[in-house]
Amino acid sequence: MKRVKITLEFLFRASPTILYQFLTTPSCLIRWFCDEADIQDKVYTFIWSGTEEVATLIEDNENERLRFQWEDADENEYLEFNFSTSPVTNETILEIIDYCDEDEVEDQKQLWESQIQVLRQETGS
């Protein structure tokens, strides 16, 4: 199955600093992203329903960009979070870049929509 890149954008009233915290600390990650999280140096272990996924943080520009390389993924695939500020509304724009099989694009988008809804509740956005 062909893998495809998807890009999603979400607006938040929370600052990039707050969102960055929710993407880089175990206590915040478990509030919206996974059931358990462990970080050792730049290696993140995420657990969902007993299933463990490991990713290495390969780019970390605080409050601007985070890029993870999944342990079992193709080297050209990554999970990236980009932060910018809307010049019009002054809201934070969170851009997510992810990869999935081409027949799973809509499911992947719905999953991110659901996760982001929880993130908005947790950040008060």
C-alpha atoms as a PDB file:
ATOM      1  CA  MET A   1       0.000   0.000   0.000  1.00  0.00           C
ATOM      2  CA  LYS A   2       1.286   3.431  -0.929  1.00  0.00           C
ATOM      3  CA  ARG A   3       2.103   5.757   1.982  1.00  0.00           C
ATOM      4  CA  VAL A   4       1.013   9.378   1.742  1.00  0.00           C
ATOM      5  CA  LYS A   5       1.844  12.553   3.616  1.00  0.00           C
ATOM      6  CA  ILE A   6      -0.997  14.445   5.264  1.00  0.00           C
ATOM      7  CA  THR A   7      -0.876  17.974   6.615  1.00  0.00           C
ATOM      8  CA  LEU A   8      -3.437  19.361   9.034  1.00  0.00           C
ATOM      9  CA  GLU A   9      -3.774  22.796  10.639  1.00  0.00           C
ATOM     10  CA  PHE A  10      -5.525  23.721  13.851  1.00  0.00           C
ATOM     11  CA  LEU A  11      -6.004  27.088  15.582  1.00  0.00           C
ATOM     12  CA  PHE A  12      -5.453  27.467  19.327  1.00  0.00           C
ATOM     13  CA  ARG A  13      -5.844  30.344  21.742  1.00  0.00           C
ATOM     14  CA  ALA A  14      -3.046  28.767  23.809  1.00  0.00           C
ATOM     15  CA  SER A  15       0.482  30.050  23.239  1.00  0.00           C
ATOM     16  CA  PRO A  16       3.146  28.026  21.402  1.00  0.00           C
ATOM     17  CA  THR A  17       4.895  27.640  24.771  1.00  0.00           C
ATOM     18  CA  ILE A  18       1.887  25.885  26.301  1.00  0.00           C
ATOM     19  CA  LEU A  19       1.385  23.646  23.259  1.00  0.00           C
ATOM     20  CA  TYR A  20       5.093  22.781  23.259  1.00  0.00           C
ATOM     21  CA  GLN A  21       4.731  21.589  26.870  1.00  0.00           C
ATOM     22  CA  PHE A  22       1.787  19.386  25.905  1.00  0.00           C
ATOM     23  CA  LEU A  23       3.937  17.724  23.213  1.00  0.00           C
ATOM     24  CA  THR A  24       7.128  17.216  25.200  1.00  0.00           C
ATOM     25  CA  THR A  25       6.270  16.242  28.781  1.00  0.00           C
ATOM     26  CA  PRO A  26       4.889  12.837  29.811  1.00  0.00           C
ATOM     27  CA  SER A  27       2.397  14.292  32.290  1.00  0.00           C
ATOM     28  CA  CYS A  28       0.880  16.438  29.524  1.00  0.00           C
ATOM     29  CA  LEU A  29       1.102  13.849  26.734  1.00  0.00           C
ATOM     30  CA  ILE A  30      -1.025  11.395  28.711  1.00  0.00           C
ATOM     31  CA  ARG A  31      -3.731  14.031  29.063  1.00  0.00           C
ATOM     32  CA  TRP A  32      -4.454  14.051  25.323  1.00  0.00           C
ATOM     33  CA  PHE A  33      -2.183  11.879  23.170  1.00  0.00           C
ATOM     34  CA  CYS A  34      -1.509   8.467  24.725  1.00  0.00           C
ATOM     35  CA  ASP A  35      -2.217   6.271  27.742  1.00  0.00           C
ATOM     36  CA  GLU A  36       1.385   6.317  28.992  1.00  0.00           C
ATOM     37  CA  ALA A  37       4.535   8.190  27.970  1.00  0.00           C
ATOM     38  CA  ASP A  38       8.178   7.851  28.886  1.00  0.00           C
ATOM     39  CA  ILE A  39      11.018  10.059  27.699  1.00  0.00           C
ATOM     40  CA  GLN A  40      14.657   9.061  27.963  1.00  0.00           C
ATOM     41  CA  ASP A  41      16.945  11.672  26.436  1.00  0.00           C
ATOM     42  CA  LYS A  42      15.403  12.077  22.939  1.00  0.00           C
ATOM     43  CA  VAL A  43      13.632   8.720  22.839  1.00  0.00           C
ATOM     44  CA  TYR A  44       9.889   8.884  23.445  1.00  0.00           C
ATOM     45  CA  THR A  45       7.933   5.738  24.269  1.00  0.00           C
ATOM     46  CA  PHE A  46       4.185   6.080  23.797  1.00  0.00           C
ATOM     47  CA  ILE A  47       1.721   3.428  24.936  1.00  0.00           C
ATOM     48  CA  TRP A  48      -1.840   3.043  23.656  1.00  0.00           C
ATOM     49  CA  SER A  49      -3.992   0.192  25.007  1.00  0.00           C
ATOM     50  CA  GLY A  50      -0.888  -1.764  25.985  1.00  0.00           C
ATOM     51  CA  THR A  51       0.814  -1.291  22.596  1.00  0.00           C
ATOM     52  CA  GLU A  52       4.162   0.483  22.680  1.00  0.00           C
ATOM     53  CA  GLU A  53       5.472   2.776  19.927  1.00  0.00           C
ATOM     54  CA  VAL A  54       8.910   4.362  20.081  1.00  0.00           C
ATOM     55  CA  ALA A  55       9.974   7.584  18.385  1.00  0.00           C
ATOM     56  CA  THR A  56      13.169   9.615  18.439  1.00  0.00           C
ATOM     57  CA  LEU A  57      12.967  13.386  18.613  1.00  0.00           C
ATOM     58  CA  ILE A  58      15.129  14.389  15.639  1.00  0.00           C
ATOM     59  CA  GLU A  59      14.346  18.102  15.535  1.00  0.00           C
ATOM     60  CA  ASP A  60      13.479  20.359  18.449  1.00  0.00           C
ATOM     61  CA  ASN A  61      13.201  24.088  17.865  1.00  0.00           C
ATOM     62  CA  GLU A  62      11.404  25.101  21.028  1.00  0.00           C
ATOM     63  CA  ASN A  63       8.010  26.711  20.377  1.00  0.00           C
ATOM     64  CA  GLU A  64       8.550  26.378  16.597  1.00  0.00           C
ATOM     65  CA  ARG A  65       8.953  22.756  15.477  1.00  0.00           C
ATOM     66  CA  LEU A  66       9.127  19.194  16.773  1.00  0.00           C
ATOM     67  CA  ARG A  67       9.915  16.299  14.468  1.00  0.00           C
ATOM     68  CA  PHE A  68       9.781  12.662  15.512  1.00  0.00           C
ATOM     69  CA  GLN A  69      11.090   9.627  13.638  1.00  0.00           C
ATOM     70  CA  TRP A  70       9.102   6.494  14.450  1.00  0.00           C
ATOM     71  CA  GLU A  71      11.291   3.468  15.199  1.00  0.00           C
ATOM     72  CA  ASP A  72       9.470   1.196  12.738  1.00  0.00           C
ATOM     73  CA  ALA A  73       8.764   3.765  10.006  1.00  0.00           C
ATOM     74  CA  ASP A  74      10.438   4.416   6.695  1.00  0.00           C
ATOM     75  CA  GLU A  75      13.304   6.874   7.139  1.00  0.00           C
ATOM     76  CA  ASN A  76      11.509   9.429   4.934  1.00  0.00           C
ATOM     77  CA  GLU A  77       8.451   9.425   7.181  1.00  0.00           C
ATOM     78  CA  TYR A  78       8.086  11.465  10.345  1.00  0.00           C
ATOM     79  CA  LEU A  79       5.577  13.087  12.660  1.00  0.00           C
ATOM     80  CA  GLU A  80       6.023  16.827  12.817  1.00  0.00           C
ATOM     81  CA  PHE A  81       4.386  19.603  14.813  1.00  0.00           C
ATOM     82  CA  ASN A  82       4.941  23.208  13.646  1.00  0.00           C
ATOM     83  CA  PHE A  83       3.908  26.273  15.619  1.00  0.00           C
ATOM     84  CA  SER A  84       3.266  29.716  14.166  1.00  0.00           C
ATOM     85  CA  THR A  85       1.155  32.724  15.068  1.00  0.00           C
ATOM     86  CA  SER A  86      -1.644  34.054  12.910  1.00  0.00           C
ATOM     87  CA  PRO A  87      -0.884  37.701  12.086  1.00  0.00           C
ATOM     88  CA  VAL A  88      -4.620  38.403  11.855  1.00  0.00           C
ATOM     89  CA  THR A  89      -6.042  36.747  14.988  1.00  0.00           C
ATOM     90  CA  ASN A  90      -2.831  36.292  17.018  1.00  0.00           C
ATOM     91  CA  GLU A  91      -3.879  32.666  17.596  1.00  0.00           C
ATOM     92  CA  THR A  92      -1.387  29.840  17.509  1.00  0.00           C
ATOM     93  CA  ILE A  93      -1.466  27.711  14.371  1.00  0.00           C
ATOM     94  CA  LEU A  94      -0.501  24.104  15.018  1.00  0.00           C
ATOM     95  CA  GLU A  95       0.424  22.287  11.827  1.00  0.00           C
ATOM     96  CA  ILE A  96       0.704  18.510  11.986  1.00  0.00           C
ATOM     97  CA  ILE A  97       2.485  16.484   9.329  1.00  0.00           C
ATOM     98  CA  ASP A  98       1.930  12.737   9.451  1.00  0.00           C
ATOM     99  CA  TYR A  99       2.010   9.712   7.140  1.00  0.00           C
ATOM    100  CA  CYS A 100      -0.440   6.883   6.582  1.00  0.00           C
ATOM    101  CA  ASP A 101      -1.547   4.354   3.983  1.00  0.00           C
ATOM    102  CA  GLU A 102      -3.440   6.055   1.163  1.00  0.00           C
ATOM    103  CA  ASP A 103      -6.645   4.181   2.012  1.00  0.00           C
ATOM    104  CA  GLU A 104      -6.485   5.430   5.630  1.00  0.00           C
ATOM    105  CA  VAL A 105      -6.264   9.193   5.028  1.00  0.00           C
ATOM    106  CA  GLU A 106      -9.790  10.007   6.203  1.00  0.00           C
ATOM    107  CA  ASP A 107      -9.463   7.771   9.266  1.00  0.00           C
ATOM    108  CA  GLN A 108      -6.131   9.393  10.155  1.00  0.00           C
ATOM    109  CA  LYS A 109      -7.603  12.881   9.780  1.00  0.00           C
ATOM    110  CA  GLN A 110     -10.544  11.927  12.012  1.00  0.00           C
ATOM    111  CA  LEU A 111      -8.154  10.516  14.608  1.00  0.00           C
ATOM    112  CA  TRP A 112      -6.187  13.769  14.684  1.00  0.00           C
ATOM    113  CA  GLU A 113      -9.419  15.808  14.871  1.00  0.00           C
ATOM    114  CA  SER A 114     -10.457  13.763  17.885  1.00  0.00           C
ATOM    115  CA  GLN A 115      -7.050  14.064  19.582  1.00  0.00           C
ATOM    116  CA  ILE A 116      -6.912  17.816  18.945  1.00  0.00           C
ATOM    117  CA  GLN A 117     -10.378  18.252  20.431  1.00  0.00           C
ATOM    118  CA  VAL A 118      -9.056  16.731  23.682  1.00  0.00           C
ATOM    119  CA  LEU A 119      -5.910  18.896  23.462  1.00  0.00           C
ATOM    120  CA  ARG A 120      -8.087  22.002  23.115  1.00  0.00           C
ATOM    121  CA  GLN A 121     -10.042  21.040  26.228  1.00  0.00           C
ATOM    122  CA  GLU A 122      -6.843  20.399  28.181  1.00  0.00           C
ATOM    123  CA  THR A 123      -5.255  23.715  27.149  1.00  0.00           C
ATOM    124  CA  GLY A 124      -8.444  25.748  27.543  1.00  0.00           C
ATOM    125  CA  SER A 125      -8.363  26.640  23.860  1.00  0.00           C
END
